[in-house]
PDB file of N, CA and C in Angstrom:
ATOM      1  N   UNK A   1     115.894 121.518 120.762  1.00  0.00           N
ATOM      2  CA  UNK A   1     114.588 121.150 120.217  1.00  0.00           C
ATOM      3  C   UNK A   1     114.758 120.063 119.155  1.00  0.00           C
ATOM      4  N   UNK A   2     113.890 119.078 119.212  1.00  0.00           N
ATOM      5  CA  UNK A   2     113.961 117.957 118.286  1.00  0.00           C
ATOM      6  C   UNK A   2     113.239 118.268 116.985  1.00  0.00           C
ATOM      7  N   UNK A   3     113.853 117.939 115.866  1.00  0.00           N
ATOM      8  CA  UNK A   3     113.122 118.116 114.616  1.00  0.00           C
ATOM      9  C   UNK A   3     112.458 116.799 114.224  1.00  0.00           C
ATOM     10  N   UNK A   4     111.699 116.827 113.150  1.00  0.00           N
ATOM     11  CA  UNK A   4     110.903 115.667 112.744  1.00  0.00           C
ATOM     12  C   UNK A   4     111.792 114.447 112.489  1.00  0.00           C
ATOM     13  N   UNK A   5     112.937 114.633 111.832  1.00  0.00           N
ATOM     14  CA  UNK A   5     113.818 113.508 111.530  1.00  0.00           C
ATOM     15  C   UNK A   5     114.361 112.875 112.807  1.00  0.00           C
ATOM     16  N   UNK A   6     114.703 113.712 113.803  1.00  0.00           N
ATOM     17  CA  UNK A   6     115.193 113.180 115.082  1.00  0.00           C
ATOM     18  C   UNK A   6     114.105 112.340 115.738  1.00  0.00           C
ATOM     19  N   UNK A   7     112.856 112.814 115.691  1.00  0.00           N
ATOM     20  CA  UNK A   7     111.743 112.081 116.274  1.00  0.00           C
ATOM     21  C   UNK A   7     111.555 110.744 115.549  1.00  0.00           C
ATOM     22  N   UNK A   8     111.634 110.758 114.231  1.00  0.00           N
ATOM     23  CA  UNK A   8     111.507 109.530 113.453  1.00  0.00           C
ATOM     24  C   UNK A   8     112.614 108.559 113.851  1.00  0.00           C
ATOM     25  N   UNK A   9     113.834 109.058 113.959  1.00  0.00           N
ATOM     26  CA  UNK A   9     114.957 108.195 114.312  1.00  0.00           C
ATOM     27  C   UNK A   9     114.765 107.594 115.707  1.00  0.00           C
ATOM     28  N   UNK A  10     114.314 108.395 116.646  1.00  0.00           N
ATOM     29  CA  UNK A  10     114.091 107.905 118.015  1.00  0.00           C
ATOM     30  C   UNK A  10     112.992 106.845 118.022  1.00  0.00           C
ATOM     31  N   UNK A  11     111.901 107.107 117.314  1.00  0.00           N
ATOM     32  CA  UNK A  11     110.804 106.132 117.253  1.00  0.00           C
ATOM     33  C   UNK A  11     111.268 104.832 116.585  1.00  0.00           C
ATOM     34  N   UNK A  12     112.122 104.960 115.553  1.00  0.00           N
ATOM     35  CA  UNK A  12     112.647 103.778 114.868  1.00  0.00           C
ATOM     36  C   UNK A  12     113.540 102.980 115.809  1.00  0.00           C
ATOM     37  N   UNK A  13     114.399 103.661 116.560  1.00  0.00           N
ATOM     38  CA  UNK A  13     115.264 102.968 117.516  1.00  0.00           C
ATOM     39  C   UNK A  13     114.435 102.265 118.585  1.00  0.00           C
ATOM     40  N   UNK A  14     113.343 102.893 119.008  1.00  0.00           N
ATOM     41  CA  UNK A  14     112.458 102.270 119.992  1.00  0.00           C
ATOM     42  C   UNK A  14     111.855 100.979 119.424  1.00  0.00           C
ATOM     43  N   UNK A  15     111.426 101.015 118.160  1.00  0.00           N
ATOM     44  CA  UNK A  15     110.885  99.820 117.510  1.00  0.00           C
ATOM     45  C   UNK A  15     111.964  98.745 117.402  1.00  0.00           C
ATOM     46  N   UNK A  16     113.164  99.139 116.971  1.00  0.00           N
ATOM     47  CA  UNK A  16     114.262  98.178 116.872  1.00  0.00           C
ATOM     48  C   UNK A  16     114.522  97.505 118.219  1.00  0.00           C
ATOM     49  N   UNK A  17     114.491  98.296 119.289  1.00  0.00           N
ATOM     50  CA  UNK A  17     114.724  97.752 120.632  1.00  0.00           C
ATOM     51  C   UNK A  17     113.667  96.709 120.990  1.00  0.00           C
ATOM     52  N   UNK A  18     112.413  96.982 120.652  1.00  0.00           N
ATOM     53  CA  UNK A  18     111.332  96.020 120.919  1.00  0.00           C
ATOM     54  C   UNK A  18     111.550  94.731 120.120  1.00  0.00           C
ATOM     55  N   UNK A  19     111.986  94.886 118.872  1.00  0.00           N
ATOM     56  CA  UNK A  19     112.196  93.712 118.023  1.00  0.00           C
ATOM     57  C   UNK A  19     113.411  92.910 118.481  1.00  0.00           C
ATOM     58  N   UNK A  20     114.450  93.597 118.962  1.00  0.00           N
ATOM     59  CA  UNK A  20     115.616  92.899 119.511  1.00  0.00           C
ATOM     60  C   UNK A  20     115.194  92.088 120.726  1.00  0.00           C
ATOM     61  N   UNK A  21     114.376  92.697 121.569  1.00  0.00           N
ATOM     62  CA  UNK A  21     113.870  92.020 122.767  1.00  0.00           C
ATOM     63  C   UNK A  21     113.097  90.753 122.392  1.00  0.00           C
ATOM     64  N   UNK A  22     112.320  90.857 121.328  1.00  0.00           N
ATOM     65  CA  UNK A  22     111.460  89.740 120.925  1.00  0.00           C
ATOM     66  C   UNK A  22     112.207  88.661 120.147  1.00  0.00           C
ATOM     67  N   UNK A  23     113.136  89.079 119.245  1.00  0.00           N
ATOM     68  CA  UNK A  23     113.770  88.112 118.345  1.00  0.00           C
ATOM     69  C   UNK A  23     115.255  87.875 118.632  1.00  0.00           C
ATOM     70  N   UNK A  24     115.842  88.688 119.509  1.00  0.00           N
ATOM     71  CA  UNK A  24     117.219  88.447 119.891  1.00  0.00           C
ATOM     72  C   UNK A  24     118.275  89.065 118.997  1.00  0.00           C
ATOM     73  N   UNK A  25     117.857  89.746 117.933  1.00  0.00           N
ATOM     74  CA  UNK A  25     118.828  90.459 117.109  1.00  0.00           C
ATOM     75  C   UNK A  25     118.175  91.660 116.442  1.00  0.00           C
ATOM     76  N   UNK A  26     119.019  92.629 116.089  1.00  0.00           N
ATOM     77  CA  UNK A  26     118.519  93.872 115.514  1.00  0.00           C
ATOM     78  C   UNK A  26     118.197  93.675 114.033  1.00  0.00           C
ATOM     79  N   UNK A  27     116.950  93.930 113.661  1.00  0.00           N
ATOM     80  CA  UNK A  27     116.565  93.768 112.253  1.00  0.00           C
ATOM     81  C   UNK A  27     116.870  95.021 111.433  1.00  0.00           C
ATOM     82  N   UNK A  28     117.210  94.823 110.167  1.00  0.00           N
ATOM     83  CA  UNK A  28     117.319  95.979 109.275  1.00  0.00           C
ATOM     84  C   UNK A  28     115.937  96.236 108.667  1.00  0.00           C
ATOM     85  N   UNK A  29     115.848  97.243 107.833  1.00  0.00           N
ATOM     86  CA  UNK A  29     114.571  97.626 107.237  1.00  0.00           C
ATOM     87  C   UNK A  29     113.943  96.461 106.463  1.00  0.00           C
ATOM     88  N   UNK A  30     114.759  95.743 105.705  1.00  0.00           N
ATOM     89  CA  UNK A  30     114.241  94.608 104.930  1.00  0.00           C
ATOM     90  C   UNK A  30     113.677  93.532 105.841  1.00  0.00           C
ATOM     91  N   UNK A  31     114.355  93.259 106.957  1.00  0.00           N
ATOM     92  CA  UNK A  31     113.880  92.239 107.892  1.00  0.00           C
ATOM     93  C   UNK A  31     112.547  92.647 108.518  1.00  0.00           C
ATOM     94  N   UNK A  32     112.396  93.935 108.823  1.00  0.00           N
ATOM     95  CA  UNK A  32     111.134  94.421 109.390  1.00  0.00           C
ATOM     96  C   UNK A  32     110.015  94.250 108.365  1.00  0.00           C
ATOM     97  N   UNK A  33     110.293  94.589 107.102  1.00  0.00           N
ATOM     98  CA  UNK A  33     109.291  94.395 106.051  1.00  0.00           C
ATOM     99  C   UNK A  33     108.942  92.913 105.894  1.00  0.00           C
ATOM    100  N   UNK A  34     109.939  92.058 105.962  1.00  0.00           N
ATOM    101  CA  UNK A  34     109.725  90.620 105.868  1.00  0.00           C
ATOM    102  C   UNK A  34     108.801  90.143 106.993  1.00  0.00           C
ATOM    103  N   UNK A  35     109.047  90.616 108.216  1.00  0.00           N
ATOM    104  CA  UNK A  35     108.204  90.245 109.364  1.00  0.00           C
ATOM    105  C   UNK A  35     106.759  90.707 109.171  1.00  0.00           C
ATOM    106  N   UNK A  36     106.594  91.917 108.646  1.00  0.00           N
ATOM    107  CA  UNK A  36     105.239  92.430 108.386  1.00  0.00           C
ATOM    108  C   UNK A  36     104.556  91.570 107.323  1.00  0.00           C
ATOM    109  N   UNK A  37     105.298  91.195 106.289  1.00  0.00           N
ATOM    110  CA  UNK A  37     104.751  90.327 105.246  1.00  0.00           C
ATOM    111  C   UNK A  37     104.286  88.995 105.815  1.00  0.00           C
ATOM    112  N   UNK A  38     105.094  88.418 106.711  1.00  0.00           N
ATOM    113  CA  UNK A  38     104.697  87.165 107.363  1.00  0.00           C
ATOM    114  C   UNK A  38     103.432  87.372 108.190  1.00  0.00           C
ATOM    115  N   UNK A  39     103.395  88.472 108.917  1.00  0.00           N
ATOM    116  CA  UNK A  39     102.244  88.796 109.767  1.00  0.00           C
ATOM    117  C   UNK A  39     100.969  88.927 108.923  1.00  0.00           C
ATOM    118  N   UNK A  40     101.080  89.593 107.794  1.00  0.00           N
ATOM    119  CA  UNK A  40      99.907  89.884 106.962  1.00  0.00           C
ATOM    120  C   UNK A  40      99.411  88.677 106.171  1.00  0.00           C
ATOM    121  N   UNK A  41     100.286  87.741 105.865  1.00  0.00           N
ATOM    122  CA  UNK A  41      99.896  86.605 105.020  1.00  0.00           C
ATOM    123  C   UNK A  41      99.745  85.302 105.796  1.00  0.00           C
ATOM    124  N   UNK A  42     100.263  85.278 107.016  1.00  0.00           N
ATOM    125  CA  UNK A  42     100.333  84.024 107.788  1.00  0.00           C
ATOM    126  C   UNK A  42     101.057  82.935 106.998  1.00  0.00           C
ATOM    127  N   UNK A  43     102.029  83.370 106.190  1.00  0.00           N
ATOM    128  CA  UNK A  43     102.807  82.456 105.353  1.00  0.00           C
ATOM    129  C   UNK A  43     104.039  82.024 106.143  1.00  0.00           C
ATOM    130  N   UNK A  44     103.929  80.863 106.777  1.00  0.00           N
ATOM    131  CA  UNK A  44     105.049  80.361 107.572  1.00  0.00           C
ATOM    132  C   UNK A  44     105.426  78.980 107.066  1.00  0.00           C
ATOM    133  N   UNK A  45     106.635  78.869 106.557  1.00  0.00           N
ATOM    134  CA  UNK A  45     107.153  77.595 106.068  1.00  0.00           C
ATOM    135  C   UNK A  45     108.591  77.459 106.542  1.00  0.00           C
ATOM    136  N   UNK A  46     109.072  76.234 106.576  1.00  0.00           N
ATOM    137  CA  UNK A  46     110.464  76.004 106.971  1.00  0.00           C
ATOM    138  C   UNK A  46     111.434  76.606 105.962  1.00  0.00           C
ATOM    139  N   UNK A  47     111.114  76.453 104.696  1.00  0.00           N
ATOM    140  CA  UNK A  47     111.964  76.988 103.632  1.00  0.00           C
ATOM    141  C   UNK A  47     111.175  78.016 102.837  1.00  0.00           C
ATOM    142  N   UNK A  48     111.730  79.220 102.728  1.00  0.00           N
ATOM    143  CA  UNK A  48     111.093  80.274 101.952  1.00  0.00           C
ATOM    144  C   UNK A  48     112.053  80.651 100.831  1.00  0.00           C
ATOM    145  N   UNK A  49     111.554  80.606  99.608  1.00  0.00           N
ATOM    146  CA  UNK A  49     112.412  80.924  98.471  1.00  0.00           C
ATOM    147  C   UNK A  49     112.671  82.429  98.413  1.00  0.00           C
ATOM    148  N   UNK A  50     113.668  82.797  97.628  1.00  0.00           N
ATOM    149  CA  UNK A  50     113.984  84.209  97.447  1.00  0.00           C
ATOM    150  C   UNK A  50     112.774  84.948  96.861  1.00  0.00           C
ATOM    151  N   UNK A  51     112.090  84.315  95.925  1.00  0.00           N
ATOM    152  CA  UNK A  51     110.906  84.923  95.301  1.00  0.00           C
ATOM    153  C   UNK A  51     109.786  85.114  96.320  1.00  0.00           C
ATOM    154  N   UNK A  52     109.584  84.117  97.180  1.00  0.00           N
ATOM    155  CA  UNK A  52     108.551  84.233  98.218  1.00  0.00           C
ATOM    156  C   UNK A  52     108.902  85.355  99.206  1.00  0.00           C
ATOM    157  N   UNK A  53     110.191  85.472  99.527  1.00  0.00           N
ATOM    158  CA  UNK A  53     110.628  86.540 100.428  1.00  0.00           C
ATOM    159  C   UNK A  53     110.344  87.903  99.798  1.00  0.00           C
ATOM    160  N   UNK A  54     110.632  88.032  98.496  1.00  0.00           N
ATOM    161  CA  UNK A  54     110.343  89.283  97.784  1.00  0.00           C
ATOM    162  C   UNK A  54     108.840  89.557  97.775  1.00  0.00           C
ATOM    163  N   UNK A  55     108.043  88.525  97.558  1.00  0.00           N
ATOM    164  CA  UNK A  55     106.587  88.673  97.566  1.00  0.00           C
ATOM    165  C   UNK A  55     106.097  89.139  98.940  1.00  0.00           C
ATOM    166  N   UNK A  56     106.649  88.548 100.005  1.00  0.00           N
ATOM    167  CA  UNK A  56     106.264  88.930 101.361  1.00  0.00           C
ATOM    168  C   UNK A  56     106.616  90.392 101.634  1.00  0.00           C
ATOM    169  N   UNK A  57     107.788  90.813 101.166  1.00  0.00           N
ATOM    170  CA  UNK A  57     108.203  92.206 101.371  1.00  0.00           C
ATOM    171  C   UNK A  57     107.332  93.154 100.549  1.00  0.00           C
ATOM    172  N   UNK A  58     106.911  92.718  99.364  1.00  0.00           N
ATOM    173  CA  UNK A  58     106.010  93.532  98.541  1.00  0.00           C
ATOM    174  C   UNK A  58     104.657  93.711  99.240  1.00  0.00           C
ATOM    175  N   UNK A  59     104.142  92.626  99.808  1.00  0.00           N
ATOM    176  CA  UNK A  59     102.890  92.695 100.572  1.00  0.00           C
ATOM    177  C   UNK A  59     103.058  93.690 101.723  1.00  0.00           C
ATOM    178  N   UNK A  60     104.203  93.623 102.387  1.00  0.00           N
ATOM    179  CA  UNK A  60     104.459  94.520 103.519  1.00  0.00           C
ATOM    180  C   UNK A  60     104.479  95.982 103.080  1.00  0.00           C
ATOM    181  N   UNK A  61     105.172  96.277 101.997  1.00  0.00           N
ATOM    182  CA  UNK A  61     105.241  97.658 101.509  1.00  0.00           C
ATOM    183  C   UNK A  61     103.840  98.160 101.155  1.00  0.00           C
ATOM    184  N   UNK A  62     103.086  97.370 100.421  1.00  0.00           N
ATOM    185  CA  UNK A  62     101.723  97.766 100.053  1.00  0.00           C
ATOM    186  C   UNK A  62     100.854  97.950 101.299  1.00  0.00           C
ATOM    187  N   UNK A  63     101.017  97.055 102.263  1.00  0.00           N
ATOM    188  CA  UNK A  63     100.228  97.132 103.495  1.00  0.00           C
ATOM    189  C   UNK A  63     100.530  98.403 104.271  1.00  0.00           C
ATOM    190  N   UNK A  64     101.818  98.685 104.497  1.00  0.00           N
ATOM    191  CA  UNK A  64     102.148  99.870 105.305  1.00  0.00           C
ATOM    192  C   UNK A  64     101.795 101.156 104.560  1.00  0.00           C
ATOM    193  N   UNK A  65     101.942 101.150 103.240  1.00  0.00           N
ATOM    194  CA  UNK A  65     101.602 102.360 102.479  1.00  0.00           C
ATOM    195  C   UNK A  65     100.096 102.515 102.282  1.00  0.00           C
ATOM    196  N   UNK A  66      99.345 101.443 102.483  1.00  0.00           N
ATOM    197  CA  UNK A  66      97.886 101.567 102.387  1.00  0.00           C
ATOM    198  C   UNK A  66      97.355 102.433 103.535  1.00  0.00           C
ATOM    199  N   UNK A  67      98.047 102.430 104.671  1.00  0.00           N
ATOM    200  CA  UNK A  67      97.659 103.290 105.789  1.00  0.00           C
ATOM    201  C   UNK A  67      97.802 104.768 105.441  1.00  0.00           C
ATOM    202  N   UNK A  68      98.651 105.071 104.460  1.00  0.00           N
ATOM    203  CA  UNK A  68      98.831 106.447 104.007  1.00  0.00           C
ATOM    204  C   UNK A  68      97.988 106.773 102.775  1.00  0.00           C
ATOM    205  N   UNK A  69      97.141 105.831 102.355  1.00  0.00           N
ATOM    206  CA  UNK A  69      96.262 106.071 101.216  1.00  0.00           C
ATOM    207  C   UNK A  69      96.907 105.851  99.858  1.00  0.00           C
ATOM    208  N   UNK A  70      98.043 105.156  99.821  1.00  0.00           N
ATOM    209  CA  UNK A  70      98.742 104.932  98.551  1.00  0.00           C
ATOM    210  C   UNK A  70      98.274 103.660  97.854  1.00  0.00           C
ATOM    211  N   UNK A  71      97.822 102.681  98.622  1.00  0.00           N
ATOM    212  CA  UNK A  71      97.336 101.416  98.078  1.00  0.00           C
ATOM    213  C   UNK A  71      96.020 101.072  98.747  1.00  0.00           C
ATOM    214  N   UNK A  72      95.260 100.225  98.059  1.00  0.00           N
ATOM    215  CA  UNK A  72      94.034  99.696  98.642  1.00  0.00           C
ATOM    216  C   UNK A  72      94.044  98.187  98.403  1.00  0.00           C
ATOM    217  N   UNK A  73      93.592  97.441  99.391  1.00  0.00           N
ATOM    218  CA  UNK A  73      93.516  95.994  99.270  1.00  0.00           C
ATOM    219  C   UNK A  73      92.354  95.652  98.349  1.00  0.00           C
ATOM    220  N   UNK A  74      92.663  94.934  97.264  1.00  0.00           N
ATOM    221  CA  UNK A  74      91.609  94.540  96.318  1.00  0.00           C
ATOM    222  C   UNK A  74      90.985  93.200  96.678  1.00  0.00           C
ATOM    223  N   UNK A  75      91.744  92.365  97.346  1.00  0.00           N
ATOM    224  CA  UNK A  75      91.234  91.048  97.719  1.00  0.00           C
ATOM    225  C   UNK A  75      92.377  90.065  97.836  1.00  0.00           C
ATOM    226  N   UNK A  76      92.017  88.799  97.933  1.00  0.00           N
ATOM    227  CA  UNK A  76      93.005  87.736  98.072  1.00  0.00           C
ATOM    228  C   UNK A  76      92.832  86.725  96.949  1.00  0.00           C
ATOM    229  N   UNK A  77      93.956  86.139  96.519  1.00  0.00           N
ATOM    230  CA  UNK A  77      93.865  85.125  95.462  1.00  0.00           C
ATOM    231  C   UNK A  77      93.530  83.763  96.072  1.00  0.00           C
ATOM    232  N   UNK A  78      93.494  82.741  95.234  1.00  0.00           N
ATOM    233  CA  UNK A  78      93.104  81.394  95.677  1.00  0.00           C
ATOM    234  C   UNK A  78      94.039  80.839  96.749  1.00  0.00           C
ATOM    235  N   UNK A  79      95.287  81.297  96.755  1.00  0.00           N
ATOM    236  CA  UNK A  79      96.256  80.832  97.751  1.00  0.00           C
ATOM    237  C   UNK A  79      96.238  81.676  99.023  1.00  0.00           C
ATOM    238  N   UNK A  80      95.348  82.688  99.048  1.00  0.00           N
ATOM    239  CA  UNK A  80      95.247  83.527 100.239  1.00  0.00           C
ATOM    240  C   UNK A  80      96.160  84.741 100.261  1.00  0.00           C
ATOM    241  N   UNK A  81      96.881  84.976  99.172  1.00  0.00           N
ATOM    242  CA  UNK A  81      97.787  86.124  99.119  1.00  0.00           C
ATOM    243  C   UNK A  81      96.999  87.398  98.818  1.00  0.00           C
ATOM    244  N   UNK A  82      97.281  88.474  99.554  1.00  0.00           N
ATOM    245  CA  UNK A  82      96.579  89.740  99.308  1.00  0.00           C
ATOM    246  C   UNK A  82      97.077  90.403  98.022  1.00  0.00           C
ATOM    247  N   UNK A  83      96.165  91.090  97.352  1.00  0.00           N
ATOM    248  CA  UNK A  83      96.514  91.855  96.154  1.00  0.00           C
ATOM    249  C   UNK A  83      96.049  93.294  96.340  1.00  0.00           C
ATOM    250  N   UNK A  84      96.924  94.211  95.977  1.00  0.00           N
ATOM    251  CA  UNK A  84      96.692  95.635  96.195  1.00  0.00           C
ATOM    252  C   UNK A  84      96.643  96.386  94.880  1.00  0.00           C
ATOM    253  N   UNK A  85      95.985  97.520  94.919  1.00  0.00           N
ATOM    254  CA  UNK A  85      95.950  98.434  93.776  1.00  0.00           C
ATOM    255  C   UNK A  85      96.488  99.776  94.259  1.00  0.00           C
ATOM    256  N   UNK A  86      97.413 100.347  93.482  1.00  0.00           N
ATOM    257  CA  UNK A  86      97.940 101.660  93.836  1.00  0.00           C
ATOM    258  C   UNK A  86      96.905 102.712  93.460  1.00  0.00           C
ATOM    259  N   UNK A  87      96.582 103.596  94.408  1.00  0.00           N
ATOM    260  CA  UNK A  87      95.549 104.608  94.156  1.00  0.00           C
ATOM    261  C   UNK A  87      96.078 106.033  94.264  1.00  0.00           C
ATOM    262  N   UNK A  88      97.325 106.170  94.701  1.00  0.00           N
ATOM    263  CA  UNK A  88      97.926 107.499  94.820  1.00  0.00           C
ATOM    264  C   UNK A  88      99.406 107.369  94.511  1.00  0.00           C
ATOM    265  N   UNK A  89      99.940 108.372  93.813  1.00  0.00           N
ATOM    266  CA  UNK A  89     101.363 108.355  93.466  1.00  0.00           C
ATOM    267  C   UNK A  89     102.224 108.486  94.714  1.00  0.00           C
ATOM    268  N   UNK A  90     103.274 107.696  94.763  1.00  0.00           N
ATOM    269  CA  UNK A  90     104.244 107.806  95.853  1.00  0.00           C
ATOM    270  C   UNK A  90     105.189 108.939  95.483  1.00  0.00           C
ATOM    271  N   UNK A  91     105.483 109.829  96.435  1.00  0.00           N
ATOM    272  CA  UNK A  91     106.337 110.980  96.121  1.00  0.00           C
ATOM    273  C   UNK A  91     107.723 110.550  95.614  1.00  0.00           C
ATOM    274  N   UNK A  92     108.247 111.309  94.673  1.00  0.00           N
ATOM    275  CA  UNK A  92     109.599 111.072  94.176  1.00  0.00           C
ATOM    276  C   UNK A  92     110.565 111.597  95.226  1.00  0.00           C
ATOM    277  N   UNK A  93     111.458 110.721  95.678  1.00  0.00           N
ATOM    278  CA  UNK A  93     112.380 111.076  96.753  1.00  0.00           C
ATOM    279  C   UNK A  93     113.733 110.436  96.496  1.00  0.00           C
ATOM    280  N   UNK A  94     114.762 110.980  97.152  1.00  0.00           N
ATOM    281  CA  UNK A  94     116.051 110.312  97.081  1.00  0.00           C
ATOM    282  C   UNK A  94     116.015 109.090  98.006  1.00  0.00           C
ATOM    283  N   UNK A  95     117.062 108.296  97.972  1.00  0.00           N
ATOM    284  CA  UNK A  95     117.086 107.038  98.717  1.00  0.00           C
ATOM    285  C   UNK A  95     116.888 107.250 100.217  1.00  0.00           C
ATOM    286  N   UNK A  96     117.548 108.232 100.787  1.00  0.00           N
ATOM    287  CA  UNK A  96     117.431 108.534 102.217  1.00  0.00           C
ATOM    288  C   UNK A  96     115.988 108.912 102.574  1.00  0.00           C
ATOM    289  N   UNK A  97     115.367 109.753 101.747  1.00  0.00           N
ATOM    290  CA  UNK A  97     113.983 110.177 101.984  1.00  0.00           C
ATOM    291  C   UNK A  97     113.015 108.997 101.827  1.00  0.00           C
ATOM    292  N   UNK A  98     113.286 108.138 100.831  1.00  0.00           N
ATOM    293  CA  UNK A  98     112.448 106.948 100.635  1.00  0.00           C
ATOM    294  C   UNK A  98     112.488 106.048 101.867  1.00  0.00           C
ATOM    295  N   UNK A  99     113.689 105.865 102.414  1.00  0.00           N
ATOM    296  CA  UNK A  99     113.848 105.019 103.587  1.00  0.00           C
ATOM    297  C   UNK A  99     113.071 105.604 104.771  1.00  0.00           C
ATOM    298  N   UNK A 100     113.179 106.905 104.974  1.00  0.00           N
ATOM    299  CA  UNK A 100     112.454 107.551 106.074  1.00  0.00           C
ATOM    300  C   UNK A 100     110.941 107.498 105.852  1.00  0.00           C
ATOM    301  N   UNK A 101     110.517 107.655 104.604  1.00  0.00           N
ATOM    302  CA  UNK A 101     109.106 107.564 104.240  1.00  0.00           C
ATOM    303  C   UNK A 101     108.564 106.181 104.626  1.00  0.00           C
ATOM    304  N   UNK A 102     109.317 105.137 104.256  1.00  0.00           N
ATOM    305  CA  UNK A 102     108.918 103.768 104.595  1.00  0.00           C
ATOM    306  C   UNK A 102     108.929 103.544 106.096  1.00  0.00           C
ATOM    307  N   UNK A 103     109.990 104.009 106.762  1.00  0.00           N
ATOM    308  CA  UNK A 103     110.088 103.834 108.220  1.00  0.00           C
ATOM    309  C   UNK A 103     108.898 104.488 108.922  1.00  0.00           C
ATOM    310  N   UNK A 104     108.532 105.682 108.480  1.00  0.00           N
ATOM    311  CA  UNK A 104     107.407 106.389 109.094  1.00  0.00           C
ATOM    312  C   UNK A 104     106.114 105.579 108.944  1.00  0.00           C
ATOM    313  N   UNK A 105     105.907 104.996 107.765  1.00  0.00           N
ATOM    314  CA  UNK A 105     104.708 104.188 107.533  1.00  0.00           C
ATOM    315  C   UNK A 105     104.768 102.859 108.293  1.00  0.00           C
ATOM    316  N   UNK A 106     105.950 102.295 108.441  1.00  0.00           N
ATOM    317  CA  UNK A 106     106.108 101.071 109.236  1.00  0.00           C
ATOM    318  C   UNK A 106     105.763 101.358 110.691  1.00  0.00           C
ATOM    319  N   UNK A 107     106.244 102.485 111.213  1.00  0.00           N
ATOM    320  CA  UNK A 107     105.945 102.859 112.595  1.00  0.00           C
ATOM    321  C   UNK A 107     104.441 103.048 112.790  1.00  0.00           C
ATOM    322  N   UNK A 108     103.779 103.644 111.804  1.00  0.00           N
ATOM    323  CA  UNK A 108     102.325 103.807 111.861  1.00  0.00           C
ATOM    324  C   UNK A 108     101.648 102.432 111.892  1.00  0.00           C
ATOM    325  N   UNK A 109     102.128 101.516 111.075  1.00  0.00           N
ATOM    326  CA  UNK A 109     101.594 100.145 111.043  1.00  0.00           C
ATOM    327  C   UNK A 109     101.687  99.514 112.427  1.00  0.00           C
ATOM    328  N   UNK A 110     102.862  99.602 113.042  1.00  0.00           N
ATOM    329  CA  UNK A 110     103.043  98.998 114.365  1.00  0.00           C
ATOM    330  C   UNK A 110     102.162  99.675 115.407  1.00  0.00           C
ATOM    331  N   UNK A 111     101.990 100.975 115.280  1.00  0.00           N
ATOM    332  CA  UNK A 111     101.073 101.708 116.192  1.00  0.00           C
ATOM    333  C   UNK A 111      99.640 101.229 116.028  1.00  0.00           C
ATOM    334  N   UNK A 112      99.176 101.161 114.788  1.00  0.00           N
ATOM    335  CA  UNK A 112      97.785 100.771 114.509  1.00  0.00           C
ATOM    336  C   UNK A 112      97.500  99.336 114.940  1.00  0.00           C
ATOM    337  N   UNK A 113      98.504  98.482 114.829  1.00  0.00           N
ATOM    338  CA  UNK A 113      98.314  97.070 115.170  1.00  0.00           C
ATOM    339  C   UNK A 113      98.770  96.766 116.594  1.00  0.00           C
ATOM    340  N   UNK A 114      99.255  97.758 117.274  1.00  0.00           N
ATOM    341  CA  UNK A 114      99.720  97.633 118.663  1.00  0.00           C
ATOM    342  C   UNK A 114     100.627  96.415 118.826  1.00  0.00           C
ATOM    343  N   UNK A 115     101.584  96.311 117.907  1.00  0.00           N
ATOM    344  CA  UNK A 115     102.538  95.184 117.947  1.00  0.00           C
ATOM    345  C   UNK A 115     103.804  95.588 118.672  1.00  0.00           C
TER     346      UNK A 115
END
């Protein structure tokens, strides 16, 4: 019998396989967040600074956690970047649990957006 963590791992591997098919290499968690950030902001440039990459990943984290009721989109600034407000505390977890928490919300994001 499969437990919840096994199911999460299988669903994550399935997502990784789809992304490998599309991009030709296996993305890590940060790369998946980066892709979501690009998707959400339509921010595509030839050169992206380290700060912009961090901003894109922050947008991604807020976006995927908004599906769980942790953030709400407040609006966009003059440059079109989304701004979020935290409305619920994120559970205190160890690093492994945090990663699984994020993965679960990322999988929900991909399900909701049928990507």
